[in-house]
C-alpha cells in the first residue's frame, strides 16, 4: 500500500500530485501534507489524483474536511485527473456538486 505525494507551491495555489492507493492506511500521509495548507487558508489546492489507482471513503472524507477548511477562508479545492471509476464515487456521494472535480475554473 504505497502512496506518492508531490507538492508544489504556486502564486495562488498549491499543486499536489498523488499516486497509488488512497485508503485508511495511506490517507494520514496525505493529511499531513494538506493540513498546514488548509488551516492556513491562504491558497487554493489543486489535488491531482490522476495516478491514484484506488480510493475508499477515507480519501473522500479527507477531501471533505479539506474543502470545509478551505471554504472558511473563501478558498477552493480542485480535484483533477479523476478517472471514471473514482469519479463515480464523487457522483454517488454528491461530492461532485460541492467541489471542483475535473474542472480548472471555479463554478
N, C-alpha and C. Protein backbone atom coordinates (compact mmCIF):
# COMPACT_ATOMS: atom_id res chain seq x y z
N UNK A 1 0.83 -1.17 0.00
CA UNK A 1 0.00 0.00 0.00
C UNK A 1 0.87 1.24 0.00
N UNK A 2 1.19 1.70 -1.19
CA UNK A 2 2.06 2.85 -1.34
C UNK A 2 1.29 4.07 -1.78
N UNK A 3 1.74 5.22 -1.34
CA UNK A 3 1.16 6.48 -1.76
C UNK A 3 2.30 7.44 -2.02
N UNK A 4 2.30 8.04 -3.20
CA UNK A 4 3.31 9.04 -3.52
C UNK A 4 2.63 10.41 -3.51
N UNK A 5 3.36 11.40 -3.00
CA UNK A 5 2.82 12.75 -2.92
C UNK A 5 3.90 13.73 -3.34
N UNK A 6 3.56 14.62 -4.26
CA UNK A 6 4.47 15.67 -4.71
C UNK A 6 3.74 16.99 -4.58
N UNK A 7 4.28 17.91 -3.80
CA UNK A 7 3.62 19.19 -3.55
C UNK A 7 4.46 20.32 -4.11
N UNK A 8 3.78 21.25 -4.79
CA UNK A 8 4.48 22.39 -5.37
C UNK A 8 3.65 23.65 -5.14
N UNK A 9 4.27 24.68 -4.58
CA UNK A 9 3.59 25.94 -4.30
C UNK A 9 3.68 26.86 -5.51
N UNK A 10 2.54 27.44 -5.88
CA UNK A 10 2.46 28.43 -6.95
C UNK A 10 2.01 29.75 -6.32
N UNK A 11 1.80 30.78 -7.12
CA UNK A 11 1.42 32.09 -6.58
C UNK A 11 0.14 32.06 -5.75
N UNK A 12 -0.91 31.42 -6.27
CA UNK A 12 -2.22 31.47 -5.61
C UNK A 12 -2.73 30.10 -5.18
N UNK A 13 -1.99 29.05 -5.45
CA UNK A 13 -2.46 27.70 -5.11
C UNK A 13 -1.29 26.74 -4.91
N UNK A 14 -1.60 25.65 -4.25
CA UNK A 14 -0.69 24.53 -4.13
C UNK A 14 -1.14 23.45 -5.10
N UNK A 15 -0.21 22.90 -5.84
CA UNK A 15 -0.50 21.76 -6.71
C UNK A 15 0.06 20.52 -6.00
N UNK A 16 -0.83 19.58 -5.74
CA UNK A 16 -0.41 18.36 -5.05
C UNK A 16 -0.78 17.17 -5.92
N UNK A 17 0.25 16.43 -6.32
CA UNK A 17 0.04 15.24 -7.15
C UNK A 17 0.14 14.00 -6.26
N UNK A 18 -0.87 13.15 -6.39
CA UNK A 18 -0.96 11.96 -5.56
C UNK A 18 -1.02 10.73 -6.46
N UNK A 19 -0.33 9.69 -6.07
CA UNK A 19 -0.35 8.44 -6.83
C UNK A 19 -0.40 7.24 -5.89
N UNK A 20 -0.98 6.16 -6.38
CA UNK A 20 -1.07 4.93 -5.60
C UNK A 20 -2.45 4.72 -5.02
N UNK A 21 -2.51 4.10 -3.85
CA UNK A 21 -3.78 3.79 -3.21
C UNK A 21 -4.04 4.76 -2.07
N UNK A 22 -5.21 5.41 -2.12
CA UNK A 22 -5.60 6.36 -1.08
C UNK A 22 -6.70 5.70 -0.25
N UNK A 23 -6.30 5.21 0.92
CA UNK A 23 -7.24 4.46 1.76
C UNK A 23 -6.96 4.74 3.23
N UNK A 24 -7.58 3.97 4.09
CA UNK A 24 -7.46 4.17 5.53
C UNK A 24 -6.00 4.09 6.00
N UNK A 25 -5.17 3.34 5.33
CA UNK A 25 -3.78 3.17 5.73
C UNK A 25 -2.87 4.29 5.23
N UNK A 26 -3.19 4.85 4.05
CA UNK A 26 -2.30 5.84 3.45
C UNK A 26 -2.80 7.28 3.59
N UNK A 27 -4.07 7.47 3.88
CA UNK A 27 -4.64 8.82 3.98
C UNK A 27 -3.92 9.71 5.00
N UNK A 28 -3.46 9.17 6.14
CA UNK A 28 -2.75 10.04 7.08
C UNK A 28 -1.53 10.73 6.48
N UNK A 29 -0.87 10.07 5.54
CA UNK A 29 0.29 10.66 4.88
C UNK A 29 -0.13 11.90 4.07
N UNK A 30 -1.24 11.80 3.35
CA UNK A 30 -1.74 12.94 2.59
C UNK A 30 -2.28 14.01 3.53
N UNK A 31 -2.92 13.61 4.60
CA UNK A 31 -3.45 14.56 5.59
C UNK A 31 -2.32 15.43 6.14
N UNK A 32 -1.16 14.85 6.40
CA UNK A 32 -0.01 15.60 6.90
C UNK A 32 0.41 16.71 5.94
N UNK A 33 0.31 16.45 4.66
CA UNK A 33 0.68 17.45 3.65
C UNK A 33 -0.41 18.53 3.54
N UNK A 34 -1.67 18.11 3.56
CA UNK A 34 -2.78 19.04 3.37
C UNK A 34 -3.06 19.93 4.59
N UNK A 35 -2.86 19.40 5.78
CA UNK A 35 -3.29 20.09 6.99
C UNK A 35 -2.73 21.52 7.12
N UNK A 36 -1.43 21.74 6.99
CA UNK A 36 -0.95 23.11 7.15
C UNK A 36 -1.47 24.06 6.06
N UNK A 37 -1.67 23.56 4.87
CA UNK A 37 -2.16 24.39 3.77
C UNK A 37 -3.62 24.75 4.01
N UNK A 38 -4.41 23.79 4.38
CA UNK A 38 -5.85 24.03 4.53
C UNK A 38 -6.15 24.88 5.76
N UNK A 39 -5.39 24.73 6.83
CA UNK A 39 -5.66 25.53 8.03
C UNK A 39 -5.13 26.95 7.90
N UNK A 40 -4.06 27.13 7.15
CA UNK A 40 -3.53 28.47 6.90
C UNK A 40 -4.54 29.29 6.10
N UNK A 41 -5.19 28.65 5.13
CA UNK A 41 -6.27 29.29 4.38
C UNK A 41 -5.85 30.38 3.42
N UNK A 42 -4.63 30.36 2.95
CA UNK A 42 -4.16 31.41 2.03
C UNK A 42 -4.14 30.99 0.57
N UNK A 43 -4.27 29.69 0.32
CA UNK A 43 -4.11 29.17 -1.03
C UNK A 43 -5.24 28.20 -1.39
N UNK A 44 -5.60 28.19 -2.68
CA UNK A 44 -6.45 27.12 -3.20
C UNK A 44 -5.58 25.86 -3.26
N UNK A 45 -6.23 24.72 -3.38
CA UNK A 45 -5.50 23.46 -3.54
C UNK A 45 -5.97 22.79 -4.82
N UNK A 46 -5.02 22.45 -5.68
CA UNK A 46 -5.27 21.67 -6.89
C UNK A 46 -4.70 20.28 -6.61
N UNK A 47 -5.58 19.34 -6.37
CA UNK A 47 -5.20 17.99 -5.99
C UNK A 47 -5.33 17.10 -7.22
N UNK A 48 -4.21 16.72 -7.80
CA UNK A 48 -4.22 15.88 -9.00
C UNK A 48 -4.11 14.41 -8.58
N UNK A 49 -5.18 13.67 -8.83
CA UNK A 49 -5.20 12.25 -8.43
C UNK A 49 -5.20 11.32 -9.65
N UNK A 50 -4.65 11.81 -10.74
CA UNK A 50 -4.59 11.03 -11.98
C UNK A 50 -3.94 9.67 -11.77
N UNK A 51 -2.96 9.59 -10.90
CA UNK A 51 -2.23 8.35 -10.68
C UNK A 51 -2.72 7.56 -9.46
N UNK A 52 -3.88 7.93 -8.92
CA UNK A 52 -4.47 7.17 -7.83
C UNK A 52 -5.21 5.97 -8.43
N UNK A 53 -4.85 4.80 -8.00
CA UNK A 53 -5.43 3.58 -8.57
C UNK A 53 -6.62 3.07 -7.76
N UNK A 54 -6.70 3.49 -6.50
CA UNK A 54 -7.79 3.04 -5.63
C UNK A 54 -8.03 4.12 -4.58
N UNK A 55 -9.30 4.35 -4.27
CA UNK A 55 -9.63 5.29 -3.21
C UNK A 55 -10.87 4.80 -2.48
N UNK A 56 -10.84 4.83 -1.15
CA UNK A 56 -12.00 4.43 -0.37
C UNK A 56 -12.62 5.66 0.30
N UNK A 57 -13.57 5.44 1.18
CA UNK A 57 -14.29 6.53 1.82
C UNK A 57 -13.39 7.40 2.69
N UNK A 58 -12.27 6.85 3.14
CA UNK A 58 -11.34 7.65 3.94
C UNK A 58 -10.77 8.79 3.10
N UNK A 59 -10.45 8.49 1.85
CA UNK A 59 -9.97 9.53 0.94
C UNK A 59 -11.02 10.59 0.69
N UNK A 60 -12.25 10.15 0.48
CA UNK A 60 -13.35 11.11 0.29
C UNK A 60 -13.53 11.98 1.53
N UNK A 61 -13.44 11.38 2.70
CA UNK A 61 -13.58 12.13 3.94
C UNK A 61 -12.47 13.16 4.10
N UNK A 62 -11.29 12.82 3.69
CA UNK A 62 -10.17 13.76 3.73
C UNK A 62 -10.43 14.96 2.82
N UNK A 63 -11.00 14.69 1.65
CA UNK A 63 -11.33 15.77 0.72
C UNK A 63 -12.41 16.68 1.30
N UNK A 64 -13.41 16.10 1.95
CA UNK A 64 -14.49 16.89 2.56
C UNK A 64 -13.94 17.79 3.66
N UNK A 65 -13.10 17.25 4.52
CA UNK A 65 -12.50 18.05 5.58
C UNK A 65 -11.65 19.18 5.04
N UNK A 66 -10.92 18.88 3.98
CA UNK A 66 -10.09 19.90 3.34
C UNK A 66 -10.97 20.99 2.74
N UNK A 67 -12.04 20.60 2.07
CA UNK A 67 -12.96 21.55 1.47
C UNK A 67 -13.56 22.47 2.54
N UNK A 68 -13.98 21.91 3.66
CA UNK A 68 -14.57 22.71 4.74
C UNK A 68 -13.59 23.77 5.25
N UNK A 69 -12.35 23.36 5.49
CA UNK A 69 -11.36 24.32 5.96
C UNK A 69 -11.08 25.40 4.92
N UNK A 70 -10.97 25.01 3.67
CA UNK A 70 -10.70 25.99 2.62
C UNK A 70 -11.85 26.97 2.47
N UNK A 71 -13.07 26.47 2.51
CA UNK A 71 -14.24 27.33 2.35
C UNK A 71 -14.36 28.37 3.45
N UNK A 72 -13.87 28.08 4.64
CA UNK A 72 -13.89 29.06 5.73
C UNK A 72 -13.11 30.32 5.35
N UNK A 73 -12.15 30.17 4.46
CA UNK A 73 -11.30 31.28 4.03
C UNK A 73 -11.52 31.66 2.57
N UNK A 74 -12.67 31.29 2.03
CA UNK A 74 -13.01 31.57 0.63
C UNK A 74 -11.97 31.04 -0.34
N UNK A 75 -11.48 29.86 -0.04
CA UNK A 75 -10.53 29.17 -0.93
C UNK A 75 -11.23 27.97 -1.55
N UNK A 76 -10.66 27.44 -2.63
CA UNK A 76 -11.29 26.38 -3.41
C UNK A 76 -10.44 25.11 -3.43
N UNK A 77 -11.13 23.98 -3.56
CA UNK A 77 -10.48 22.69 -3.76
C UNK A 77 -10.82 22.20 -5.16
N UNK A 78 -9.79 21.92 -5.95
CA UNK A 78 -9.94 21.35 -7.28
C UNK A 78 -9.37 19.94 -7.24
N UNK A 79 -10.18 18.96 -7.58
CA UNK A 79 -9.72 17.58 -7.64
C UNK A 79 -9.62 17.23 -9.12
N UNK A 80 -8.41 17.07 -9.60
CA UNK A 80 -8.15 16.93 -11.03
C UNK A 80 -7.64 15.54 -11.37
N UNK A 81 -7.78 15.18 -12.65
CA UNK A 81 -7.28 13.89 -13.12
C UNK A 81 -8.07 12.71 -12.59
N UNK A 82 -9.33 12.93 -12.27
CA UNK A 82 -10.15 11.88 -11.68
C UNK A 82 -10.59 10.90 -12.77
N UNK A 83 -10.27 9.62 -12.59
CA UNK A 83 -10.67 8.65 -13.60
C UNK A 83 -12.16 8.31 -13.42
N UNK A 84 -12.72 7.62 -14.39
CA UNK A 84 -14.16 7.35 -14.41
C UNK A 84 -14.62 6.55 -13.20
N UNK A 85 -13.83 5.61 -12.75
CA UNK A 85 -14.23 4.77 -11.61
C UNK A 85 -14.30 5.60 -10.32
N UNK A 86 -13.30 6.43 -10.11
CA UNK A 86 -13.29 7.26 -8.90
C UNK A 86 -14.29 8.41 -9.03
N UNK A 87 -14.49 8.92 -10.23
CA UNK A 87 -15.48 9.98 -10.43
C UNK A 87 -16.87 9.49 -10.04
N UNK A 88 -17.12 8.22 -10.25
CA UNK A 88 -18.41 7.64 -9.86
C UNK A 88 -18.63 7.77 -8.35
N UNK A 89 -17.58 7.63 -7.56
CA UNK A 89 -17.69 7.83 -6.11
C UNK A 89 -18.13 9.26 -5.79
N UNK A 90 -17.58 10.21 -6.51
CA UNK A 90 -17.96 11.61 -6.30
C UNK A 90 -19.42 11.83 -6.70
N UNK A 91 -19.85 11.19 -7.77
CA UNK A 91 -21.24 11.31 -8.22
C UNK A 91 -22.21 10.70 -7.20
N UNK A 92 -21.94 9.48 -6.80
CA UNK A 92 -22.83 8.74 -5.89
C UNK A 92 -22.99 9.48 -4.56
N UNK A 93 -21.90 10.04 -4.06
CA UNK A 93 -21.94 10.70 -2.75
C UNK A 93 -22.42 12.15 -2.83
N UNK A 94 -22.56 12.68 -4.04
CA UNK A 94 -22.98 14.07 -4.20
C UNK A 94 -21.85 15.07 -4.04
N UNK A 95 -20.64 14.59 -3.84
CA UNK A 95 -19.50 15.48 -3.63
C UNK A 95 -19.11 16.24 -4.89
N UNK A 96 -19.48 15.71 -6.02
CA UNK A 96 -19.14 16.38 -7.28
C UNK A 96 -19.83 17.74 -7.37
N UNK A 97 -20.94 17.88 -6.67
CA UNK A 97 -21.67 19.16 -6.66
C UNK A 97 -21.05 20.16 -5.68
N UNK A 98 -20.22 19.69 -4.76
CA UNK A 98 -19.65 20.56 -3.72
C UNK A 98 -18.23 21.03 -4.01
N UNK A 99 -17.50 20.26 -4.80
CA UNK A 99 -16.13 20.65 -5.11
C UNK A 99 -15.89 20.57 -6.61
N UNK A 100 -14.81 21.13 -7.05
CA UNK A 100 -14.48 21.18 -8.46
C UNK A 100 -13.77 19.89 -8.86
N UNK A 101 -14.51 18.97 -9.47
CA UNK A 101 -13.96 17.70 -9.90
C UNK A 101 -13.72 17.77 -11.40
N UNK A 102 -12.46 17.61 -11.79
CA UNK A 102 -12.03 17.69 -13.19
C UNK A 102 -12.38 19.04 -13.82
N UNK A 103 -12.37 20.10 -13.03
CA UNK A 103 -12.59 21.46 -13.53
C UNK A 103 -11.36 22.29 -13.18
N UNK A 104 -10.95 23.12 -14.10
CA UNK A 104 -9.81 24.00 -13.83
C UNK A 104 -10.27 25.40 -13.46
N UNK A 105 -11.56 25.69 -13.61
CA UNK A 105 -12.12 27.01 -13.28
C UNK A 105 -13.21 26.83 -12.24
N UNK A 106 -13.39 27.83 -11.42
CA UNK A 106 -14.47 27.80 -10.42
C UNK A 106 -15.82 27.83 -11.10
N UNK A 107 -16.82 27.20 -10.46
CA UNK A 107 -18.18 27.18 -10.99
C UNK A 107 -18.81 28.55 -10.89
